[in-house]
Amino acid sequence: MKKFKVTINNKSYEVEVEEMGAASVSTTTPAEEKVEKTTVEKPQAVPGDVEGEEILAPLPGTISLQVAEGDTVSEGDTIFILEAMKMENEIAATASGTVKAIYVSDGDSVDTGDVLAVIG
């Protein structure tokens, strides 16, 4: 047994502590490695690349294509489905015509305002 003198609120106490003989465990934690992040920017449609009505992403999410380049669509047709916050949002054609260009692929993440396609 080991004896210790402990003072609490200016009052001294004598304390005995029994050593139980349990094995001590020592552990080591490896140092955290620093990982450099690289940012890759998605290529955006250059204004004027293709003439026609641009279809923009209304909010950030994951895109699913419902049409292909060259398809003919009518105003109001669903051309993309955007999954955001566990909800599927239909993105409709804002004009009738032919899908001239699609700037995204199935499963791509998009941000608000990204150009998804051009209809002309």
PDB file of N, CA and C in Angstrom:
ATOM      1  N   MET A   1       0.849  -1.178   0.000  1.00  0.00           N
ATOM      2  CA  MET A   1       0.000   0.000   0.000  1.00  0.00           C
ATOM      3  C   MET A   1       0.892   1.237   0.000  1.00  0.00           C
ATOM      4  N   LYS A   2       0.400   2.241  -0.729  1.00  0.00           N
ATOM      5  CA  LYS A   2       1.115   3.513  -0.764  1.00  0.00           C
ATOM      6  C   LYS A   2       0.267   4.538  -0.044  1.00  0.00           C
ATOM      7  N   LYS A   3       0.941   5.389   0.705  1.00  0.00           N
ATOM      8  CA  LYS A   3       0.243   6.444   1.437  1.00  0.00           C
ATOM      9  C   LYS A   3       0.497   7.776   0.751  1.00  0.00           C
ATOM     10  N   PHE A   4      -0.592   8.572   0.680  1.00  0.00           N
ATOM     11  CA  PHE A   4      -0.503   9.901   0.092  1.00  0.00           C
ATOM     12  C   PHE A   4      -1.185  10.888   1.018  1.00  0.00           C
ATOM     13  N   LYS A   5      -0.684  12.120   0.996  1.00  0.00           N
ATOM     14  CA  LYS A   5      -1.307  13.184   1.769  1.00  0.00           C
ATOM     15  C   LYS A   5      -1.983  14.108   0.759  1.00  0.00           C
ATOM     16  N   VAL A   6      -3.308  14.293   0.921  1.00  0.00           N
ATOM     17  CA  VAL A   6      -4.101  15.092  -0.007  1.00  0.00           C
ATOM     18  C   VAL A   6      -4.719  16.247   0.763  1.00  0.00           C
ATOM     19  N   THR A   7      -4.648  17.457   0.200  1.00  0.00           N
ATOM     20  CA  THR A   7      -5.240  18.630   0.841  1.00  0.00           C
ATOM     21  C   THR A   7      -6.388  19.127  -0.029  1.00  0.00           C
ATOM     22  N   ILE A   8      -7.575  19.223   0.594  1.00  0.00           N
ATOM     23  CA  ILE A   8      -8.767  19.718  -0.091  1.00  0.00           C
ATOM     24  C   ILE A   8      -9.381  20.794   0.790  1.00  0.00           C
ATOM     25  N   ASN A   9      -9.581  22.000   0.216  1.00  0.00           N
ATOM     26  CA  ASN A   9     -10.137  23.142   0.958  1.00  0.00           C
ATOM     27  C   ASN A   9      -9.393  23.375   2.273  1.00  0.00           C
ATOM     28  N   ASN A  10      -8.084  23.408   2.182  1.00  0.00           N
ATOM     29  CA  ASN A  10      -7.198  23.648   3.334  1.00  0.00           C
ATOM     30  C   ASN A  10      -7.331  22.599   4.433  1.00  0.00           C
ATOM     31  N   LYS A  11      -7.852  21.454   4.152  1.00  0.00           N
ATOM     32  CA  LYS A  11      -7.958  20.372   5.129  1.00  0.00           C
ATOM     33  C   LYS A  11      -7.162  19.189   4.588  1.00  0.00           C
ATOM     34  N   SER A  12      -6.240  18.652   5.369  1.00  0.00           N
ATOM     35  CA  SER A  12      -5.368  17.561   4.935  1.00  0.00           C
ATOM     36  C   SER A  12      -5.967  16.208   5.283  1.00  0.00           C
ATOM     37  N   TYR A  13      -5.792  15.277   4.354  1.00  0.00           N
ATOM     38  CA  TYR A  13      -6.264  13.906   4.535  1.00  0.00           C
ATOM     39  C   TYR A  13      -5.113  12.962   4.196  1.00  0.00           C
ATOM     40  N   GLU A  14      -5.036  11.856   4.937  1.00  0.00           N
ATOM     41  CA  GLU A  14      -4.059  10.828   4.619  1.00  0.00           C
ATOM     42  C   GLU A  14      -4.810   9.706   3.912  1.00  0.00           C
ATOM     43  N   VAL A  15      -4.327   9.350   2.709  1.00  0.00           N
ATOM     44  CA  VAL A  15      -5.020   8.372   1.877  1.00  0.00           C
ATOM     45  C   VAL A  15      -4.080   7.204   1.604  1.00  0.00           C
ATOM     46  N   GLU A  16      -4.610   5.985   1.707  1.00  0.00           N
ATOM     47  CA  GLU A  16      -3.843   4.800   1.358  1.00  0.00           C
ATOM     48  C   GLU A  16      -4.409   4.226   0.066  1.00  0.00           C
ATOM     49  N   VAL A  17      -3.516   3.892  -0.871  1.00  0.00           N
ATOM     50  CA  VAL A  17      -3.923   3.341  -2.155  1.00  0.00           C
ATOM     51  C   VAL A  17      -3.269   1.978  -2.318  1.00  0.00           C
ATOM     52  N   GLU A  18      -4.095   0.987  -2.612  1.00  0.00           N
ATOM     53  CA  GLU A  18      -3.588  -0.363  -2.790  1.00  0.00           C
ATOM     54  C   GLU A  18      -3.270  -0.588  -4.263  1.00  0.00           C
ATOM     55  N   GLU A  19      -2.081  -1.067  -4.535  1.00  0.00           N
ATOM     56  CA  GLU A  19      -1.677  -1.356  -5.902  1.00  0.00           C
ATOM     57  C   GLU A  19      -2.203  -2.735  -6.262  1.00  0.00           C
ATOM     58  N   MET A  20      -2.980  -2.838  -7.333  1.00  0.00           N
ATOM     59  CA  MET A  20      -3.641  -4.089  -7.693  1.00  0.00           C
ATOM     60  C   MET A  20      -2.763  -5.002  -8.540  1.00  0.00           C
ATOM     61  N   GLY A  21      -1.697  -4.500  -9.074  1.00  0.00           N
ATOM     62  CA  GLY A  21      -0.790  -5.328  -9.849  1.00  0.00           C
ATOM     63  C   GLY A  21      -1.267  -5.609 -11.263  1.00  0.00           C
ATOM     64  N   ALA A  22      -2.264  -4.910 -11.727  1.00  0.00           N
ATOM     65  CA  ALA A  22      -2.739  -5.097 -13.100  1.00  0.00           C
ATOM     66  C   ALA A  22      -1.690  -4.579 -14.063  1.00  0.00           C
ATOM     67  N   ALA A  23      -1.570  -5.247 -15.171  1.00  0.00           N
ATOM     68  CA  ALA A  23      -0.586  -4.846 -16.167  1.00  0.00           C
ATOM     69  C   ALA A  23      -0.970  -3.496 -16.758  1.00  0.00           C
ATOM     70  N   SER A  24       0.015  -2.664 -16.936  1.00  0.00           N
ATOM     71  CA  SER A  24      -0.266  -1.373 -17.557  1.00  0.00           C
ATOM     72  C   SER A  24      -0.254  -1.551 -19.070  1.00  0.00           C
ATOM     73  N   VAL A  25      -1.055  -0.775 -19.713  1.00  0.00           N
ATOM     74  CA  VAL A  25      -1.170  -0.862 -21.164  1.00  0.00           C
ATOM     75  C   VAL A  25      -0.653   0.431 -21.747  1.00  0.00           C
ATOM     76  N   SER A  26       0.277   0.308 -22.673  1.00  0.00           N
ATOM     77  CA  SER A  26       0.758   1.513 -23.340  1.00  0.00           C
ATOM     78  C   SER A  26       0.376   1.410 -24.812  1.00  0.00           C
ATOM     79  N   THR A  27      -0.051   2.507 -25.340  1.00  0.00           N
ATOM     80  CA  THR A  27      -0.439   2.530 -26.747  1.00  0.00           C
ATOM     81  C   THR A  27       0.264   3.673 -27.435  1.00  0.00           C
ATOM     82  N   THR A  28       0.436   3.523 -28.716  1.00  0.00           N
ATOM     83  CA  THR A  28       0.995   4.607 -29.514  1.00  0.00           C
ATOM     84  C   THR A  28       0.044   4.865 -30.669  1.00  0.00           C
ATOM     85  N   THR A  29      -0.074   6.112 -31.014  1.00  0.00           N
ATOM     86  CA  THR A  29      -0.927   6.509 -32.127  1.00  0.00           C
ATOM     87  C   THR A  29      -0.029   7.067 -33.214  1.00  0.00           C
ATOM     88  N   PRO A  30      -0.137   6.548 -34.416  1.00  0.00           N
ATOM     89  CA  PRO A  30       0.718   7.072 -35.484  1.00  0.00           C
ATOM     90  C   PRO A  30       0.372   8.527 -35.789  1.00  0.00           C
ATOM     91  N   ALA A  31       1.383   9.262 -36.176  1.00  0.00           N
ATOM     92  CA  ALA A  31       1.176  10.672 -36.519  1.00  0.00           C
ATOM     93  C   ALA A  31       0.259  10.763 -37.732  1.00  0.00           C
ATOM     94  N   GLU A  32      -0.578  11.787 -37.748  1.00  0.00           N
ATOM     95  CA  GLU A  32      -1.517  11.986 -38.845  1.00  0.00           C
ATOM     96  C   GLU A  32      -0.758  12.464 -40.073  1.00  0.00           C
ATOM     97  N   GLU A  33      -0.999  11.778 -41.185  1.00  0.00           N
ATOM     98  CA  GLU A  33      -0.335  12.178 -42.419  1.00  0.00           C
ATOM     99  C   GLU A  33      -1.110  13.303 -43.081  1.00  0.00           C
ATOM    100  N   LYS A  34      -0.380  14.279 -43.580  1.00  0.00           N
ATOM    101  CA  LYS A  34      -1.028  15.376 -44.297  1.00  0.00           C
ATOM    102  C   LYS A  34      -1.187  14.956 -45.752  1.00  0.00           C
ATOM    103  N   VAL A  35      -2.407  15.087 -46.257  1.00  0.00           N
ATOM    104  CA  VAL A  35      -2.693  14.747 -47.640  1.00  0.00           C
ATOM    105  C   VAL A  35      -3.065  16.029 -48.362  1.00  0.00           C
ATOM    106  N   GLU A  36      -2.372  16.274 -49.451  1.00  0.00           N
ATOM    107  CA  GLU A  36      -2.677  17.478 -50.218  1.00  0.00           C
ATOM    108  C   GLU A  36      -3.872  17.207 -51.119  1.00  0.00           C
ATOM    109  N   LYS A  37      -4.845  18.110 -51.078  1.00  0.00           N
ATOM    110  CA  LYS A  37      -6.020  17.982 -51.937  1.00  0.00           C
ATOM    111  C   LYS A  37      -5.764  18.740 -53.226  1.00  0.00           C
ATOM    112  N   THR A  38      -6.133  18.103 -54.313  1.00  0.00           N
ATOM    113  CA  THR A  38      -6.062  18.802 -55.589  1.00  0.00           C
ATOM    114  C   THR A  38      -7.484  19.028 -56.073  1.00  0.00           C
ATOM    115  N   THR A  39      -7.707  20.177 -56.621  1.00  0.00           N
ATOM    116  CA  THR A  39      -9.034  20.528 -57.096  1.00  0.00           C
ATOM    117  C   THR A  39      -9.048  20.459 -58.615  1.00  0.00           C
ATOM    118  N   VAL A  40     -10.017  19.747 -59.134  1.00  0.00           N
ATOM    119  CA  VAL A  40     -10.180  19.658 -60.578  1.00  0.00           C
ATOM    120  C   VAL A  40     -11.489  20.349 -60.918  1.00  0.00           C
ATOM    121  N   GLU A  41     -11.388  21.346 -61.776  1.00  0.00           N
ATOM    122  CA  GLU A  41     -12.596  22.070 -62.158  1.00  0.00           C
ATOM    123  C   GLU A  41     -13.246  21.395 -63.355  1.00  0.00           C
ATOM    124  N   LYS A  42     -14.579  21.310 -63.300  1.00  0.00           N
ATOM    125  CA  LYS A  42     -15.319  20.734 -64.417  1.00  0.00           C
ATOM    126  C   LYS A  42     -15.323  21.730 -65.569  1.00  0.00           C
ATOM    127  N   PRO A  43     -15.112  21.240 -66.781  1.00  0.00           N
ATOM    128  CA  PRO A  43     -15.207  22.160 -67.908  1.00  0.00           C
ATOM    129  C   PRO A  43     -16.651  22.621 -68.072  1.00  0.00           C
ATOM    130  N   GLN A  44     -16.815  23.883 -68.289  1.00  0.00           N
ATOM    131  CA  GLN A  44     -18.151  24.446 -68.466  1.00  0.00           C
ATOM    132  C   GLN A  44     -18.354  24.790 -69.935  1.00  0.00           C
ATOM    133  N   ALA A  45     -19.588  24.852 -70.310  1.00  0.00           N
ATOM    134  CA  ALA A  45     -19.908  25.251 -71.674  1.00  0.00           C
ATOM    135  C   ALA A  45     -19.460  26.691 -71.871  1.00  0.00           C
ATOM    136  N   VAL A  46     -18.777  26.922 -72.952  1.00  0.00           N
ATOM    137  CA  VAL A  46     -18.338  28.279 -73.248  1.00  0.00           C
ATOM    138  C   VAL A  46     -19.515  28.991 -73.903  1.00  0.00           C
ATOM    139  N   PRO A  47     -19.915  30.161 -73.364  1.00  0.00           N
ATOM    140  CA  PRO A  47     -21.044  30.874 -73.967  1.00  0.00           C
ATOM    141  C   PRO A  47     -20.817  31.056 -75.462  1.00  0.00           C
ATOM    142  N   GLY A  48     -21.806  30.724 -76.234  1.00  0.00           N
ATOM    143  CA  GLY A  48     -21.695  30.870 -77.680  1.00  0.00           C
ATOM    144  C   GLY A  48     -21.183  29.616 -78.370  1.00  0.00           C
ATOM    145  N   ASP A  49     -20.790  28.585 -77.600  1.00  0.00           N
ATOM    146  CA  ASP A  49     -20.334  27.326 -78.199  1.00  0.00           C
ATOM    147  C   ASP A  49     -21.400  26.771 -79.138  1.00  0.00           C
ATOM    148  N   VAL A  50     -22.614  26.659 -78.613  1.00  0.00           N
ATOM    149  CA  VAL A  50     -23.731  26.100 -79.372  1.00  0.00           C
ATOM    150  C   VAL A  50     -24.906  27.057 -79.212  1.00  0.00           C
ATOM    151  N   GLU A  51     -25.515  27.412 -80.335  1.00  0.00           N
ATOM    152  CA  GLU A  51     -26.665  28.317 -80.301  1.00  0.00           C
ATOM    153  C   GLU A  51     -27.901  27.574 -79.822  1.00  0.00           C
ATOM    154  N   GLY A  52     -28.692  28.205 -78.967  1.00  0.00           N
ATOM    155  CA  GLY A  52     -29.937  27.602 -78.525  1.00  0.00           C
ATOM    156  C   GLY A  52     -30.252  27.942 -77.081  1.00  0.00           C
ATOM    157  N   GLU A  53     -31.257  27.253 -76.553  1.00  0.00           N
ATOM    158  CA  GLU A  53     -31.742  27.465 -75.186  1.00  0.00           C
ATOM    159  C   GLU A  53     -30.910  26.626 -74.218  1.00  0.00           C
ATOM    160  N   GLU A  54     -30.203  27.297 -73.287  1.00  0.00           N
ATOM    161  CA  GLU A  54     -29.408  26.567 -72.297  1.00  0.00           C
ATOM    162  C   GLU A  54     -30.307  26.038 -71.187  1.00  0.00           C
ATOM    163  N   ILE A  55     -30.085  24.802 -70.780  1.00  0.00           N
ATOM    164  CA  ILE A  55     -30.784  24.197 -69.648  1.00  0.00           C
ATOM    165  C   ILE A  55     -29.800  24.223 -68.485  1.00  0.00           C
ATOM    166  N   LEU A  56     -30.174  24.911 -67.395  1.00  0.00           N
ATOM    167  CA  LEU A  56     -29.286  25.086 -66.246  1.00  0.00           C
ATOM    168  C   LEU A  56     -29.741  24.237 -65.065  1.00  0.00           C
ATOM    169  N   ALA A  57     -28.785  23.848 -64.239  1.00  0.00           N
ATOM    170  CA  ALA A  57     -29.103  23.099 -63.015  1.00  0.00           C
ATOM    171  C   ALA A  57     -29.721  24.066 -62.009  1.00  0.00           C
ATOM    172  N   PRO A  58     -30.925  23.765 -61.508  1.00  0.00           N
ATOM    173  CA  PRO A  58     -31.576  24.673 -60.565  1.00  0.00           C
ATOM    174  C   PRO A  58     -31.011  24.589 -59.146  1.00  0.00           C
ATOM    175  N   LEU A  59     -30.340  23.478 -58.823  1.00  0.00           N
ATOM    176  CA  LEU A  59     -29.747  23.295 -57.503  1.00  0.00           C
ATOM    177  C   LEU A  59     -28.667  22.228 -57.599  1.00  0.00           C
ATOM    178  N   PRO A  60     -27.782  22.129 -56.609  1.00  0.00           N
ATOM    179  CA  PRO A  60     -26.729  21.112 -56.659  1.00  0.00           C
ATOM    180  C   PRO A  60     -27.300  19.711 -56.460  1.00  0.00           C
ATOM    181  N   GLY A  61     -26.676  18.736 -57.104  1.00  0.00           N
ATOM    182  CA  GLY A  61     -27.123  17.356 -56.950  1.00  0.00           C
ATOM    183  C   GLY A  61     -26.438  16.438 -57.946  1.00  0.00           C
ATOM    184  N   THR A  62     -26.996  15.238 -58.087  1.00  0.00           N
ATOM    185  CA  THR A  62     -26.463  14.232 -59.007  1.00  0.00           C
ATOM    186  C   THR A  62     -27.442  14.074 -60.164  1.00  0.00           C
ATOM    187  N   ILE A  63     -26.895  14.095 -61.374  1.00  0.00           N
ATOM    188  CA  ILE A  63     -27.728  14.149 -62.574  1.00  0.00           C
ATOM    189  C   ILE A  63     -27.940  12.765 -63.192  1.00  0.00           C
ATOM    190  N   SER A  64     -29.109  12.579 -63.794  1.00  0.00           N
ATOM    191  CA  SER A  64     -29.434  11.362 -64.536  1.00  0.00           C
ATOM    192  C   SER A  64     -30.028  11.793 -65.875  1.00  0.00           C
ATOM    193  N   LEU A  65     -29.437  11.329 -66.968  1.00  0.00           N
ATOM    194  CA  LEU A  65     -29.895  11.728 -68.306  1.00  0.00           C
ATOM    195  C   LEU A  65     -31.153  10.970 -68.702  1.00  0.00           C
ATOM    196  N   GLN A  66     -32.072  11.666 -69.351  1.00  0.00           N
ATOM    197  CA  GLN A  66     -33.291  11.057 -69.875  1.00  0.00           C
ATOM    198  C   GLN A  66     -33.351  11.169 -71.396  1.00  0.00           C
ATOM    199  N   VAL A  67     -32.400  11.925 -71.984  1.00  0.00           N
ATOM    200  CA  VAL A  67     -32.335  12.118 -73.434  1.00  0.00           C
ATOM    201  C   VAL A  67     -30.876  12.000 -73.880  1.00  0.00           C
ATOM    202  N   ALA A  68     -30.681  11.978 -75.193  1.00  0.00           N
ATOM    203  CA  ALA A  68     -29.334  11.943 -75.766  1.00  0.00           C
ATOM    204  C   ALA A  68     -29.208  13.080 -76.775  1.00  0.00           C
ATOM    205  N   GLU A  69     -27.967  13.419 -77.128  1.00  0.00           N
ATOM    206  CA  GLU A  69     -27.757  14.442 -78.149  1.00  0.00           C
ATOM    207  C   GLU A  69     -28.437  13.990 -79.433  1.00  0.00           C
ATOM    208  N   GLY A  70     -29.116  14.917 -80.082  1.00  0.00           N
ATOM    209  CA  GLY A  70     -29.807  14.608 -81.329  1.00  0.00           C
ATOM    210  C   GLY A  70     -31.274  14.257 -81.148  1.00  0.00           C
ATOM    211  N   ASP A  71     -31.699  13.969 -79.914  1.00  0.00           N
ATOM    212  CA  ASP A  71     -33.113  13.663 -79.653  1.00  0.00           C
ATOM    213  C   ASP A  71     -33.963  14.915 -79.858  1.00  0.00           C
ATOM    214  N   THR A  72     -35.184  14.711 -80.323  1.00  0.00           N
ATOM    215  CA  THR A  72     -36.142  15.805 -80.461  1.00  0.00           C
ATOM    216  C   THR A  72     -37.004  15.831 -79.206  1.00  0.00           C
ATOM    217  N   VAL A  73     -37.141  17.025 -78.619  1.00  0.00           N
ATOM    218  CA  VAL A  73     -37.930  17.175 -77.392  1.00  0.00           C
ATOM    219  C   VAL A  73     -38.959  18.286 -77.571  1.00  0.00           C
ATOM    220  N   SER A  74     -40.009  18.199 -76.781  1.00  0.00           N
ATOM    221  CA  SER A  74     -41.026  19.252 -76.756  1.00  0.00           C
ATOM    222  C   SER A  74     -40.905  19.998 -75.436  1.00  0.00           C
ATOM    223  N   GLU A  75     -41.328  21.245 -75.445  1.00  0.00           N
ATOM    224  CA  GLU A  75     -41.298  22.034 -74.216  1.00  0.00           C
ATOM    225  C   GLU A  75     -42.073  21.292 -73.125  1.00  0.00           C
ATOM    226  N   GLY A  76     -41.462  21.151 -71.952  1.00  0.00           N
ATOM    227  CA  GLY A  76     -42.099  20.461 -70.833  1.00  0.00           C
ATOM    228  C   GLY A  76     -41.681  19.006 -70.677  1.00  0.00           C
ATOM    229  N   ASP A  77     -41.045  18.421 -71.723  1.00  0.00           N
ATOM    230  CA  ASP A  77     -40.556  17.040 -71.609  1.00  0.00           C
ATOM    231  C   ASP A  77     -39.459  16.961 -70.545  1.00  0.00           C
ATOM    232  N   THR A  78     -39.446  15.864 -69.795  1.00  0.00           N
ATOM    233  CA  THR A  78     -38.385  15.655 -68.803  1.00  0.00           C
ATOM    234  C   THR A  78     -37.119  15.237 -69.541  1.00  0.00           C
ATOM    235  N   ILE A  79     -36.047  16.014 -69.354  1.00  0.00           N
ATOM    236  CA  ILE A  79     -34.792  15.687 -70.034  1.00  0.00           C
ATOM    237  C   ILE A  79     -33.692  15.254 -69.059  1.00  0.00           C
ATOM    238  N   PHE A  80     -33.828  15.652 -67.793  1.00  0.00           N
ATOM    239  CA  PHE A  80     -32.886  15.231 -66.751  1.00  0.00           C
ATOM    240  C   PHE A  80     -33.659  14.955 -65.476  1.00  0.00           C
ATOM    241  N   ILE A  81     -33.093  14.110 -64.628  1.00  0.00           N
ATOM    242  CA  ILE A  81     -33.583  13.967 -63.260  1.00  0.00           C
ATOM    243  C   ILE A  81     -32.404  14.319 -62.369  1.00  0.00           C
ATOM    244  N   LEU A  82     -32.645  15.247 -61.455  1.00  0.00           N
ATOM    245  CA  LEU A  82     -31.602  15.724 -60.552  1.00  0.00           C
ATOM    246  C   LEU A  82     -31.920  15.232 -59.148  1.00  0.00           C
ATOM    247  N   GLU A  83     -31.040  14.389 -58.598  1.00  0.00           N
ATOM    248  CA  GLU A  83     -31.237  13.906 -57.230  1.00  0.00           C
ATOM    249  C   GLU A  83     -30.515  14.851 -56.285  1.00  0.00           C
ATOM    250  N   ALA A  84     -31.293  15.457 -55.396  1.00  0.00           N
ATOM    251  CA  ALA A  84     -30.739  16.385 -54.413  1.00  0.00           C
ATOM    252  C   ALA A  84     -31.453  16.151 -53.095  1.00  0.00           C
ATOM    253  N   MET A  85     -30.704  15.975 -52.030  1.00  0.00           N
ATOM    254  CA  MET A  85     -31.258  15.762 -50.689  1.00  0.00           C
ATOM    255  C   MET A  85     -32.261  14.608 -50.684  1.00  0.00           C
ATOM    256  N   LYS A  86     -31.900  13.503 -51.333  1.00  0.00           N
ATOM    257  CA  LYS A  86     -32.714  12.278 -51.378  1.00  0.00           C
ATOM    258  C   LYS A  86     -34.044  12.455 -52.114  1.00  0.00           C
ATOM    259  N   MET A  87     -34.168  13.536 -52.881  1.00  0.00           N
ATOM    260  CA  MET A  87     -35.387  13.785 -53.662  1.00  0.00           C
ATOM    261  C   MET A  87     -34.998  13.807 -55.139  1.00  0.00           C
ATOM    262  N   GLU A  88     -35.869  13.287 -55.986  1.00  0.00           N
ATOM    263  CA  GLU A  88     -35.640  13.338 -57.423  1.00  0.00           C
ATOM    264  C   GLU A  88     -36.455  14.481 -58.013  1.00  0.00           C
ATOM    265  N   ASN A  89     -35.750  15.413 -58.662  1.00  0.00           N
ATOM    266  CA  ASN A  89     -36.379  16.588 -59.260  1.00  0.00           C
ATOM    267  C   ASN A  89     -36.279  16.475 -60.777  1.00  0.00           C
ATOM    268  N   GLU A  90     -37.416  16.590 -61.457  1.00  0.00           N
ATOM    269  CA  GLU A  90     -37.412  16.538 -62.913  1.00  0.00           C
ATOM    270  C   GLU A  90     -37.006  17.898 -63.462  1.00  0.00           C
ATOM    271  N   ILE A  91     -36.127  17.868 -64.459  1.00  0.00           N
ATOM    272  CA  ILE A  91     -35.748  19.094 -65.158  1.00  0.00           C
ATOM    273  C   ILE A  91     -36.345  18.977 -66.551  1.00  0.00           C
ATOM    274  N   ALA A  92     -37.211  19.920 -66.876  1.00  0.00           N
ATOM    275  CA  ALA A  92     -37.957  19.870 -68.136  1.00  0.00           C
ATOM    276  C   ALA A  92     -37.318  20.764 -69.190  1.00  0.00           C
ATOM    277  N   ALA A  93     -37.574  20.412 -70.440  1.00  0.00           N
ATOM    278  CA  ALA A  93     -37.128  21.236 -71.562  1.00  0.00           C
ATOM    279  C   ALA A  93     -37.881  22.561 -71.507  1.00  0.00           C
ATOM    280  N   THR A  94     -37.140  23.655 -71.660  1.00  0.00           N
ATOM    281  CA  THR A  94     -37.765  24.979 -71.620  1.00  0.00           C
ATOM    282  C   THR A  94     -38.177  25.446 -73.015  1.00  0.00           C
ATOM    283  N   ALA A  95     -37.838  24.631 -74.021  1.00  0.00           N
ATOM    284  CA  ALA A  95     -38.208  24.957 -75.400  1.00  0.00           C
ATOM    285  C   ALA A  95     -38.317  23.656 -76.186  1.00  0.00           C
ATOM    286  N   SER A  96     -39.011  23.722 -77.311  1.00  0.00           N
ATOM    287  CA  SER A  96     -39.086  22.562 -78.203  1.00  0.00           C
ATOM    288  C   SER A  96     -37.928  22.626 -79.177  1.00  0.00           C
ATOM    289  N   GLY A  97     -37.437  21.471 -79.594  1.00  0.00           N
ATOM    290  CA  GLY A  97     -36.344  21.442 -80.557  1.00  0.00           C
ATOM    291  C   GLY A  97     -35.520  20.179 -80.431  1.00  0.00           C
ATOM    292  N   THR A  98     -34.293  20.270 -80.921  1.00  0.00           N
ATOM    293  CA  THR A  98     -33.361  19.144 -80.899  1.00  0.00           C
ATOM    294  C   THR A  98     -32.308  19.394 -79.828  1.00  0.00           C
ATOM    295  N   VAL A  99     -31.959  18.340 -79.100  1.00  0.00           N
ATOM    296  CA  VAL A  99     -30.895  18.460 -78.096  1.00  0.00           C
ATOM    297  C   VAL A  99     -29.581  18.567 -78.863  1.00  0.00           C
ATOM    298  N   LYS A 100     -29.001  19.782 -78.880  1.00  0.00           N
ATOM    299  CA  LYS A 100     -27.786  20.026 -79.656  1.00  0.00           C
ATOM    300  C   LYS A 100     -26.525  19.602 -78.908  1.00  0.00           C
ATOM    301  N   ALA A 101     -26.524  19.775 -77.588  1.00  0.00           N
ATOM    302  CA  ALA A 101     -25.325  19.433 -76.808  1.00  0.00           C
ATOM    303  C   ALA A 101     -25.730  19.062 -75.392  1.00  0.00           C
ATOM    304  N   ILE A 102     -25.041  18.072 -74.839  1.00  0.00           N
ATOM    305  CA  ILE A 102     -25.213  17.698 -73.433  1.00  0.00           C
ATOM    306  C   ILE A 102     -23.832  17.796 -72.794  1.00  0.00           C
ATOM    307  N   TYR A 103     -23.725  18.571 -71.724  1.00  0.00           N
ATOM    308  CA  TYR A 103     -22.435  18.842 -71.093  1.00  0.00           C
ATOM    309  C   TYR A 103     -22.183  18.015 -69.835  1.00  0.00           C
ATOM    310  N   VAL A 104     -23.083  17.079 -69.516  1.00  0.00           N
ATOM    311  CA  VAL A 104     -22.921  16.247 -68.320  1.00  0.00           C
ATOM    312  C   VAL A 104     -23.137  14.784 -68.697  1.00  0.00           C
ATOM    313  N   SER A 105     -22.734  13.894 -67.793  1.00  0.00           N
ATOM    314  CA  SER A 105     -22.939  12.456 -67.979  1.00  0.00           C
ATOM    315  C   SER A 105     -23.744  11.919 -66.810  1.00  0.00           C
ATOM    316  N   ASP A 106     -24.315  10.730 -66.980  1.00  0.00           N
ATOM    317  CA  ASP A 106     -25.037  10.077 -65.883  1.00  0.00           C
ATOM    318  C   ASP A 106     -24.146   9.985 -64.648  1.00  0.00           C
ATOM    319  N   GLY A 107     -24.690  10.384 -63.503  1.00  0.00           N
ATOM    320  CA  GLY A 107     -23.962  10.274 -62.243  1.00  0.00           C
ATOM    321  C   GLY A 107     -23.082  11.462 -61.905  1.00  0.00           C
ATOM    322  N   ASP A 108     -22.973  12.435 -62.807  1.00  0.00           N
ATOM    323  CA  ASP A 108     -22.159  13.626 -62.524  1.00  0.00           C
ATOM    324  C   ASP A 108     -22.793  14.450 -61.409  1.00  0.00           C
ATOM    325  N   SER A 109     -21.942  15.082 -60.619  1.00  0.00           N
ATOM    326  CA  SER A 109     -22.411  16.051 -59.624  1.00  0.00           C
ATOM    327  C   SER A 109     -22.414  17.413 -60.284  1.00  0.00           C
ATOM    328  N   VAL A 110     -23.487  18.152 -60.081  1.00  0.00           N
ATOM    329  CA  VAL A 110     -23.593  19.484 -60.674  1.00  0.00           C
ATOM    330  C   VAL A 110     -23.881  20.509 -59.586  1.00  0.00           C
ATOM    331  N   ASP A 111     -23.545  21.754 -59.883  1.00  0.00           N
ATOM    332  CA  ASP A 111     -23.815  22.868 -58.974  1.00  0.00           C
ATOM    333  C   ASP A 111     -24.907  23.746 -59.570  1.00  0.00           C
ATOM    334  N   THR A 112     -25.496  24.578 -58.743  1.00  0.00           N
ATOM    335  CA  THR A 112     -26.521  25.508 -59.202  1.00  0.00           C
ATOM    336  C   THR A 112     -25.961  26.367 -60.335  1.00  0.00           C
ATOM    337  N   GLY A 113     -26.697  26.450 -61.433  1.00  0.00           N
ATOM    338  CA  GLY A 113     -26.291  27.300 -62.546  1.00  0.00           C
ATOM    339  C   GLY A 113     -25.418  26.626 -63.587  1.00  0.00           C
ATOM    340  N   ASP A 114     -24.980  25.382 -63.338  1.00  0.00           N
ATOM    341  CA  ASP A 114     -24.185  24.676 -64.350  1.00  0.00           C
ATOM    342  C   ASP A 114     -25.035  24.467 -65.600  1.00  0.00           C
ATOM    343  N   VAL A 115     -24.408  24.636 -66.768  1.00  0.00           N
ATOM    344  CA  VAL A 115     -25.103  24.387 -68.031  1.00  0.00           C
ATOM    345  C   VAL A 115     -25.134  22.877 -68.245  1.00  0.00           C
ATOM    346  N   LEU A 116     -26.336  22.324 -68.364  1.00  0.00           N
ATOM    347  CA  LEU A 116     -26.493  20.881 -68.539  1.00  0.00           C
ATOM    348  C   LEU A 116     -26.589  20.502 -70.013  1.00  0.00           C
ATOM    349  N   ALA A 117     -27.326  21.312 -70.772  1.00  0.00           N
ATOM    350  CA  ALA A 117     -27.551  20.996 -72.184  1.00  0.00           C
ATOM    351  C   ALA A 117     -27.991  22.245 -72.932  1.00  0.00           C
ATOM    352  N   VAL A 118     -28.014  22.124 -74.256  1.00  0.00           N
ATOM    353  CA  VAL A 118     -28.521  23.193 -75.121  1.00  0.00           C
ATOM    354  C   VAL A 118     -29.540  22.568 -76.065  1.00  0.00           C
ATOM    355  N   ILE A 119     -30.699  23.226 -76.165  1.00  0.00           N
ATOM    356  CA  ILE A 119     -31.757  22.785 -77.084  1.00  0.00           C
ATOM    357  C   ILE A 119     -31.913  23.858 -78.147  1.00  0.00           C
ATOM    358  N   GLY A 120     -31.939  23.445 -79.406  1.00  0.00           N
ATOM    359  CA  GLY A 120     -32.059  24.428 -80.473  1.00  0.00           C
ATOM    360  C   GLY A 120     -33.021  23.998 -81.534  1.00  0.00           C
TER     361      GLY A 120
END
